[in-house]
Each structure stands twice: as C-alpha cells, then as structure tokens.
PDB file of N, CA and C in Angstrom:
ATOM      1  N   UNK A   1      -1.549 -30.190  13.243  1.00  0.00           N
ATOM      2  CA  UNK A   1      -1.959 -30.169  11.853  1.00  0.00           C
ATOM      3  C   UNK A   1      -2.240 -28.743  11.392  1.00  0.00           C
ATOM      4  N   UNK A   2      -2.806 -27.942  12.282  1.00  0.00           N
ATOM      5  CA  UNK A   2      -3.131 -26.574  11.921  1.00  0.00           C
ATOM      6  C   UNK A   2      -1.871 -25.779  11.558  1.00  0.00           C
ATOM      7  N   UNK A   3      -0.789 -26.016  12.282  1.00  0.00           N
ATOM      8  CA  UNK A   3       0.467 -25.321  12.006  1.00  0.00           C
ATOM      9  C   UNK A   3       0.978 -25.684  10.618  1.00  0.00           C
ATOM     10  N   UNK A   4       0.856 -26.948  10.243  1.00  0.00           N
ATOM     11  CA  UNK A   4       1.293 -27.408   8.928  1.00  0.00           C
ATOM     12  C   UNK A   4       0.478 -26.742   7.821  1.00  0.00           C
ATOM     13  N   UNK A   5      -0.822 -26.582   8.040  1.00  0.00           N
ATOM     14  CA  UNK A   5      -1.683 -25.907   7.065  1.00  0.00           C
ATOM     15  C   UNK A   5      -1.273 -24.449   6.900  1.00  0.00           C
ATOM     16  N   UNK A   6      -0.964 -23.798   8.010  1.00  0.00           N
ATOM     17  CA  UNK A   6      -0.545 -22.398   7.953  1.00  0.00           C
ATOM     18  C   UNK A   6       0.769 -22.254   7.195  1.00  0.00           C
ATOM     19  N   UNK A   7       1.687 -23.177   7.401  1.00  0.00           N
ATOM     20  CA  UNK A   7       2.965 -23.141   6.688  1.00  0.00           C
ATOM     21  C   UNK A   7       2.724 -23.312   5.195  1.00  0.00           C
ATOM     22  N   UNK A   8       1.814 -24.217   4.834  1.00  0.00           N
ATOM     23  CA  UNK A   8       1.473 -24.417   3.427  1.00  0.00           C
ATOM     24  C   UNK A   8       0.846 -23.182   2.811  1.00  0.00           C
ATOM     25  N   UNK A   9      -0.043 -22.534   3.547  1.00  0.00           N
ATOM     26  CA  UNK A   9      -0.675 -21.313   3.056  1.00  0.00           C
ATOM     27  C   UNK A   9       0.347 -20.197   2.889  1.00  0.00           C
ATOM     28  N   UNK A  10       1.280 -20.112   3.813  1.00  0.00           N
ATOM     29  CA  UNK A  10       2.329 -19.103   3.712  1.00  0.00           C
ATOM     30  C   UNK A  10       3.181 -19.338   2.466  1.00  0.00           C
ATOM     31  N   UNK A  11       3.515 -20.591   2.193  1.00  0.00           N
ATOM     32  CA  UNK A  11       4.286 -20.918   0.991  1.00  0.00           C
ATOM     33  C   UNK A  11       3.505 -20.535  -0.260  1.00  0.00           C
ATOM     34  N   UNK A  12       2.199 -20.793  -0.264  1.00  0.00           N
ATOM     35  CA  UNK A  12       1.361 -20.415  -1.406  1.00  0.00           C
ATOM     36  C   UNK A  12       1.358 -18.904  -1.599  1.00  0.00           C
ATOM     37  N   UNK A  13       1.235 -18.164  -0.506  1.00  0.00           N
ATOM     38  CA  UNK A  13       1.235 -16.704  -0.588  1.00  0.00           C
ATOM     39  C   UNK A  13       2.563 -16.166  -1.109  1.00  0.00           C
ATOM     40  N   UNK A  14       3.653 -16.781  -0.691  1.00  0.00           N
ATOM     41  CA  UNK A  14       4.972 -16.356  -1.177  1.00  0.00           C
ATOM     42  C   UNK A  14       5.080 -16.573  -2.682  1.00  0.00           C
ATOM     43  N   UNK A  15       4.569 -17.698  -3.162  1.00  0.00           N
ATOM     44  CA  UNK A  15       4.618 -17.988  -4.597  1.00  0.00           C
ATOM     45  C   UNK A  15       3.752 -17.001  -5.376  1.00  0.00           C
ATOM     46  N   UNK A  16       2.576 -16.708  -4.860  1.00  0.00           N
ATOM     47  CA  UNK A  16       1.694 -15.744  -5.514  1.00  0.00           C
ATOM     48  C   UNK A  16       2.347 -14.368  -5.543  1.00  0.00           C
ATOM     49  N   UNK A  17       2.951 -13.964  -4.435  1.00  0.00           N
ATOM     50  CA  UNK A  17       3.636 -12.679  -4.365  1.00  0.00           C
ATOM     51  C   UNK A  17       4.773 -12.615  -5.377  1.00  0.00           C
ATOM     52  N   UNK A  18       5.540 -13.686  -5.488  1.00  0.00           N
ATOM     53  CA  UNK A  18       6.642 -13.730  -6.450  1.00  0.00           C
ATOM     54  C   UNK A  18       6.111 -13.562  -7.870  1.00  0.00           C
ATOM     55  N   UNK A  19       5.046 -14.290  -8.207  1.00  0.00           N
ATOM     56  CA  UNK A  19       4.494 -14.211  -9.564  1.00  0.00           C
ATOM     57  C   UNK A  19       3.939 -12.822  -9.857  1.00  0.00           C
ATOM     58  N   UNK A  20       3.281 -12.217  -8.886  1.00  0.00           N
ATOM     59  CA  UNK A  20       2.761 -10.861  -9.075  1.00  0.00           C
ATOM     60  C   UNK A  20       3.893  -9.857  -9.272  1.00  0.00           C
ATOM     61  N   UNK A  21       4.926  -9.974  -8.469  1.00  0.00           N
ATOM     62  CA  UNK A  21       6.078  -9.079  -8.593  1.00  0.00           C
ATOM     63  C   UNK A  21       6.753  -9.252  -9.945  1.00  0.00           C
ATOM     64  N   UNK A  22       6.906 -10.488 -10.379  1.00  0.00           N
ATOM     65  CA  UNK A  22       7.504 -10.758 -11.686  1.00  0.00           C
ATOM     66  C   UNK A  22       6.661 -10.156 -12.800  1.00  0.00           C
ATOM     67  N   UNK A  23       5.353 -10.308 -12.727  1.00  0.00           N
ATOM     68  CA  UNK A  23       4.460  -9.756 -13.750  1.00  0.00           C
ATOM     69  C   UNK A  23       4.569  -8.239 -13.825  1.00  0.00           C
ATOM     70  N   UNK A  24       4.596  -7.591 -12.681  1.00  0.00           N
ATOM     71  CA  UNK A  24       4.724  -6.138 -12.659  1.00  0.00           C
ATOM     72  C   UNK A  24       6.061  -5.708 -13.252  1.00  0.00           C
ATOM     73  N   UNK A  25       7.125  -6.417 -12.922  1.00  0.00           N
ATOM     74  CA  UNK A  25       8.453  -6.095 -13.460  1.00  0.00           C
ATOM     75  C   UNK A  25       8.482  -6.251 -14.969  1.00  0.00           C
ATOM     76  N   UNK A  26       7.874  -7.319 -15.467  1.00  0.00           N
ATOM     77  CA  UNK A  26       7.826  -7.553 -16.915  1.00  0.00           C
ATOM     78  C   UNK A  26       7.062  -6.426 -17.603  1.00  0.00           C
ATOM     79  N   UNK A  27       5.910  -6.066 -17.064  1.00  0.00           N
ATOM     80  CA  UNK A  27       5.120  -4.987 -17.660  1.00  0.00           C
ATOM     81  C   UNK A  27       5.889  -3.672 -17.677  1.00  0.00           C
ATOM     82  N   UNK A  28       6.542  -3.362 -16.579  1.00  0.00           N
ATOM     83  CA  UNK A  28       7.317  -2.130 -16.502  1.00  0.00           C
ATOM     84  C   UNK A  28       8.436  -2.120 -17.535  1.00  0.00           C
ATOM     85  N   UNK A  29       9.170  -3.212 -17.626  1.00  0.00           N
ATOM     86  CA  UNK A  29      10.265  -3.289 -18.597  1.00  0.00           C
ATOM     87  C   UNK A  29       9.757  -3.153 -20.033  1.00  0.00           C
ATOM     88  N   UNK A  30       8.624  -3.779 -20.347  1.00  0.00           N
ATOM     89  CA  UNK A  30       8.063  -3.667 -21.698  1.00  0.00           C
ATOM     90  C   UNK A  30       7.637  -2.234 -22.003  1.00  0.00           C
ATOM     91  N   UNK A  31       7.012  -1.576 -21.052  1.00  0.00           N
ATOM     92  CA  UNK A  31       6.609  -0.183 -21.260  1.00  0.00           C
ATOM     93  C   UNK A  31       7.817   0.715 -21.496  1.00  0.00           C
ATOM     94  N   UNK A  32       8.893   0.468 -20.771  1.00  0.00           N
ATOM     95  CA  UNK A  32      10.117   1.257 -20.945  1.00  0.00           C
ATOM     96  C   UNK A  32      10.764   0.944 -22.288  1.00  0.00           C
ATOM     97  N   UNK A  33      10.861  -0.346 -22.647  1.00  0.00           N
ATOM     98  CA  UNK A  33      11.456  -0.737 -23.929  1.00  0.00           C
ATOM     99  C   UNK A  33      10.711  -0.124 -25.107  1.00  0.00           C
ATOM    100  N   UNK A  34       9.403  -0.015 -24.998  1.00  0.00           N
ATOM    101  CA  UNK A  34       8.595   0.528 -26.083  1.00  0.00           C
ATOM    102  C   UNK A  34       8.489   2.052 -26.008  1.00  0.00           C
ATOM    103  N   UNK A  35       9.261   2.639 -25.115  1.00  0.00           N
ATOM    104  CA  UNK A  35       9.298   4.093 -24.930  1.00  0.00           C
ATOM    105  C   UNK A  35       7.922   4.686 -24.635  1.00  0.00           C
ATOM    106  N   UNK A  36       7.107   3.936 -23.931  1.00  0.00           N
ATOM    107  CA  UNK A  36       5.804   4.448 -23.529  1.00  0.00           C
ATOM    108  C   UNK A  36       5.904   5.221 -22.220  1.00  0.00           C
ATOM    109  N   UNK A  37       6.861   4.844 -21.388  1.00  0.00           N
ATOM    110  CA  UNK A  37       7.167   5.593 -20.171  1.00  0.00           C
ATOM    111  C   UNK A  37       8.672   5.525 -19.944  1.00  0.00           C
ATOM    112  N   UNK A  38       9.146   6.396 -19.067  1.00  0.00           N
ATOM    113  CA  UNK A  38      10.555   6.338 -18.676  1.00  0.00           C
ATOM    114  C   UNK A  38      10.632   5.868 -17.228  1.00  0.00           C
ATOM    115  N   UNK A  39      11.816   5.448 -16.830  1.00  0.00           N
ATOM    116  CA  UNK A  39      12.000   5.049 -15.432  1.00  0.00           C
ATOM    117  C   UNK A  39      11.738   6.237 -14.502  1.00  0.00           C
ATOM    118  N   UNK A  40      12.089   7.433 -14.978  1.00  0.00           N
ATOM    119  CA  UNK A  40      11.865   8.631 -14.173  1.00  0.00           C
ATOM    120  C   UNK A  40      10.366   8.885 -13.992  1.00  0.00           C
ATOM    121  N   UNK A  41       9.575   8.687 -15.084  1.00  0.00           N
ATOM    122  CA  UNK A  41       8.118   8.831 -14.973  1.00  0.00           C
ATOM    123  C   UNK A  41       7.567   7.857 -13.931  1.00  0.00           C
ATOM    124  N   UNK A  42       8.034   6.628 -14.013  1.00  0.00           N
ATOM    125  CA  UNK A  42       7.566   5.593 -13.092  1.00  0.00           C
ATOM    126  C   UNK A  42       7.925   5.953 -11.650  1.00  0.00           C
ATOM    127  N   UNK A  43       9.167   6.367 -11.445  1.00  0.00           N
ATOM    128  CA  UNK A  43       9.626   6.710 -10.097  1.00  0.00           C
ATOM    129  C   UNK A  43       8.844   7.901  -9.540  1.00  0.00           C
ATOM    130  N   UNK A  44       8.597   8.899 -10.387  1.00  0.00           N
ATOM    131  CA  UNK A  44       7.845  10.078  -9.950  1.00  0.00           C
ATOM    132  C   UNK A  44       6.423   9.697  -9.551  1.00  0.00           C
ATOM    133  N   UNK A  45       5.762   8.885 -10.368  1.00  0.00           N
ATOM    134  CA  UNK A  45       4.391   8.474 -10.060  1.00  0.00           C
ATOM    135  C   UNK A  45       4.360   7.639  -8.778  1.00  0.00           C
ATOM    136  N   UNK A  46       5.356   6.802  -8.581  1.00  0.00           N
ATOM    137  CA  UNK A  46       5.425   5.996  -7.358  1.00  0.00           C
ATOM    138  C   UNK A  46       5.545   6.900  -6.135  1.00  0.00           C
ATOM    139  N   UNK A  47       6.379   7.942  -6.241  1.00  0.00           N
ATOM    140  CA  UNK A  47       6.519   8.886  -5.124  1.00  0.00           C
ATOM    141  C   UNK A  47       5.199   9.607  -4.849  1.00  0.00           C
ATOM    142  N   UNK A  48       4.498  10.010  -5.932  1.00  0.00           N
ATOM    143  CA  UNK A  48       3.221  10.702  -5.768  1.00  0.00           C
ATOM    144  C   UNK A  48       2.192   9.806  -5.075  1.00  0.00           C
ATOM    145  N   UNK A  49       2.090   8.569  -5.534  1.00  0.00           N
ATOM    146  CA  UNK A  49       1.115   7.649  -4.950  1.00  0.00           C
ATOM    147  C   UNK A  49       1.457   7.310  -3.505  1.00  0.00           C
ATOM    148  N   UNK A  50       2.746   7.166  -3.227  1.00  0.00           N
ATOM    149  CA  UNK A  50       3.162   6.875  -1.854  1.00  0.00           C
ATOM    150  C   UNK A  50       2.814   8.041  -0.930  1.00  0.00           C
ATOM    151  N   UNK A  51       3.061   9.261  -1.408  1.00  0.00           N
ATOM    152  CA  UNK A  51       2.739  10.439  -0.598  1.00  0.00           C
ATOM    153  C   UNK A  51       1.234  10.528  -0.358  1.00  0.00           C
ATOM    154  N   UNK A  52       0.443  10.243  -1.392  1.00  0.00           N
ATOM    155  CA  UNK A  52      -1.013  10.282  -1.243  1.00  0.00           C
ATOM    156  C   UNK A  52      -1.479   9.219  -0.261  1.00  0.00           C
ATOM    157  N   UNK A  53      -0.896   8.045  -0.350  1.00  0.00           N
ATOM    158  CA  UNK A  53      -1.267   6.957   0.553  1.00  0.00           C
ATOM    159  C   UNK A  53      -0.910   7.311   1.988  1.00  0.00           C
ATOM    160  N   UNK A  54       0.279   7.857   2.189  1.00  0.00           N
ATOM    161  CA  UNK A  54       0.684   8.255   3.539  1.00  0.00           C
ATOM    162  C   UNK A  54      -0.243   9.330   4.095  1.00  0.00           C
ATOM    163  N   UNK A  55      -0.641  10.272   3.238  1.00  0.00           N
ATOM    164  CA  UNK A  55      -1.551  11.324   3.682  1.00  0.00           C
ATOM    165  C   UNK A  55      -2.894  10.730   4.093  1.00  0.00           C
ATOM    166  N   UNK A  56      -3.389   9.762   3.327  1.00  0.00           N
ATOM    167  CA  UNK A  56      -4.656   9.109   3.674  1.00  0.00           C
ATOM    168  C   UNK A  56      -4.542   8.355   4.999  1.00  0.00           C
ATOM    169  N   UNK A  57      -3.423   7.688   5.209  1.00  0.00           N
ATOM    170  CA  UNK A  57      -3.226   6.954   6.462  1.00  0.00           C
ATOM    171  C   UNK A  57      -3.229   7.919   7.641  1.00  0.00           C
ATOM    172  N   UNK A  58      -2.529   9.021   7.490  1.00  0.00           N
ATOM    173  CA  UNK A  58      -2.462  10.010   8.569  1.00  0.00           C
ATOM    174  C   UNK A  58      -3.851  10.573   8.864  1.00  0.00           C
ATOM    175  N   UNK A  59      -4.608  10.898   7.805  1.00  0.00           N
ATOM    176  CA  UNK A  59      -5.955  11.430   8.008  1.00  0.00           C
ATOM    177  C   UNK A  59      -6.869  10.418   8.678  1.00  0.00           C
ATOM    178  N   UNK A  60      -6.772   9.164   8.265  1.00  0.00           N
ATOM    179  CA  UNK A  60      -7.647   8.154   8.863  1.00  0.00           C
ATOM    180  C   UNK A  60      -7.293   7.927  10.327  1.00  0.00           C
ATOM    181  N   UNK A  61      -6.014   8.004  10.656  1.00  0.00           N
ATOM    182  CA  UNK A  61      -5.619   7.848  12.058  1.00  0.00           C
ATOM    183  C   UNK A  61      -6.123   9.008  12.899  1.00  0.00           C
ATOM    184  N   UNK A  62      -6.069  10.196  12.327  1.00  0.00           N
ATOM    185  CA  UNK A  62      -6.549  11.367  13.067  1.00  0.00           C
ATOM    186  C   UNK A  62      -8.046  11.272  13.311  1.00  0.00           C
ATOM    187  N   UNK A  63      -8.785  10.776  12.323  1.00  0.00           N
ATOM    188  CA  UNK A  63     -10.239  10.694  12.490  1.00  0.00           C
ATOM    189  C   UNK A  63     -10.631   9.591  13.463  1.00  0.00           C
ATOM    190  N   UNK A  64      -9.741   8.622  13.691  1.00  0.00           N
ATOM    191  CA  UNK A  64     -10.028   7.538  14.626  1.00  0.00           C
ATOM    192  C   UNK A  64      -9.657   7.901  16.056  1.00  0.00           C
ATOM    193  N   UNK A  65      -8.867   8.936  16.240  1.00  0.00           N
ATOM    194  CA  UNK A  65      -8.438   9.350  17.572  1.00  0.00           C
ATOM    195  C   UNK A  65      -9.621   9.962  18.306  1.00  0.00           C
ATOM    196  N   UNK A  66      -9.946   9.446  19.469  1.00  0.00           N
ATOM    197  CA  UNK A  66     -11.082  10.014  20.205  1.00  0.00           C
ATOM    198  C   UNK A  66     -10.799  11.446  20.625  1.00  0.00           C
ATOM    199  N   UNK A  67     -11.793  12.269  20.445  1.00  0.00           N
ATOM    200  CA  UNK A  67     -11.662  13.674  20.813  1.00  0.00           C
ATOM    201  C   UNK A  67     -12.274  13.851  22.192  1.00  0.00           C
ATOM    202  N   UNK A  68     -11.484  14.404  23.095  1.00  0.00           N
ATOM    203  CA  UNK A  68     -12.006  14.667  24.437  1.00  0.00           C
ATOM    204  C   UNK A  68     -12.549  16.081  24.445  1.00  0.00           C
ATOM    205  N   UNK A  69     -13.773  16.205  24.875  1.00  0.00           N
ATOM    206  CA  UNK A  69     -14.368  17.538  24.901  1.00  0.00           C
ATOM    207  C   UNK A  69     -14.410  18.044  26.334  1.00  0.00           C
ATOM    208  N   UNK A  70     -14.215  19.320  26.442  1.00  0.00           N
ATOM    209  CA  UNK A  70     -14.310  19.924  27.767  1.00  0.00           C
ATOM    210  C   UNK A  70     -15.781  20.235  28.025  1.00  0.00           C
ATOM    211  N   UNK A  71     -16.164  20.281  29.276  1.00  0.00           N
ATOM    212  CA  UNK A  71     -17.574  20.560  29.576  1.00  0.00           C
ATOM    213  C   UNK A  71     -17.991  21.923  29.056  1.00  0.00           C
ATOM    214  N   UNK A  72     -19.155  21.956  28.502  1.00  0.00           N
ATOM    215  CA  UNK A  72     -19.691  23.206  27.982  1.00  0.00           C
ATOM    216  C   UNK A  72     -20.231  24.040  29.139  1.00  0.00           C
ATOM    217  N   UNK A  73     -20.099  25.361  29.056  1.00  0.00           N
ATOM    218  CA  UNK A  73     -20.649  26.189  30.132  1.00  0.00           C
ATOM    219  C   UNK A  73     -22.166  26.034  30.230  1.00  0.00           C
ATOM    220  N   UNK A  74     -22.803  25.681  29.101  1.00  0.00           N
ATOM    221  CA  UNK A  74     -24.251  25.512  29.118  1.00  0.00           C
ATOM    222  C   UNK A  74     -24.658  24.142  29.637  1.00  0.00           C
ATOM    223  N   UNK A  75     -23.737  23.181  29.548  1.00  0.00           N
ATOM    224  CA  UNK A  75     -24.061  21.808  29.931  1.00  0.00           C
ATOM    225  C   UNK A  75     -22.920  21.221  30.756  1.00  0.00           C
ATOM    226  N   UNK A  76     -22.766  21.643  32.017  1.00  0.00           N
ATOM    227  CA  UNK A  76     -21.615  21.195  32.826  1.00  0.00           C
ATOM    228  C   UNK A  76     -21.668  19.742  33.205  1.00  0.00           C
TER     229      UNK A  76
END
C-alpha cells in the first residue's frame, strides 16, 4: 500500500510541476508581448542567477569540507 501512495504522490508532484511551469511560461510570454522585457534580458538574468547559485553551492561545499590542521609547534 505504501508503494501505491508514493506513486500517487509522485503523480501529484508531476501535475503541480507542470502547472507551475505553464504559469511561468505564460507570465514570460505576456511580459515579452507587452515589451516589458526581451528574451535576451530574460536569458541574461537566468545566466546571472545560475552563476550566482553555482557560486553559492561551491562556497557552501567548501565550508562543509573538514579542515585538517597540522600540529602546532606550541601544542604538539
């Protein structure tokens, strides 16, 4: 029964994802049609946000990496 519930939840998530994607596409198309933004503006901002996100991921991974310290001459 648990497997059936998980399959149902997955189907629900797929439907929600589809509706969210459709909504974003509609908003983008309306903004472009009304000349509020261009596709190039959108693409540039997407690249900027992706680069920022990747930089944050890299920084967070570096901060999670354990640092091995060598013994101090004062405290061997």
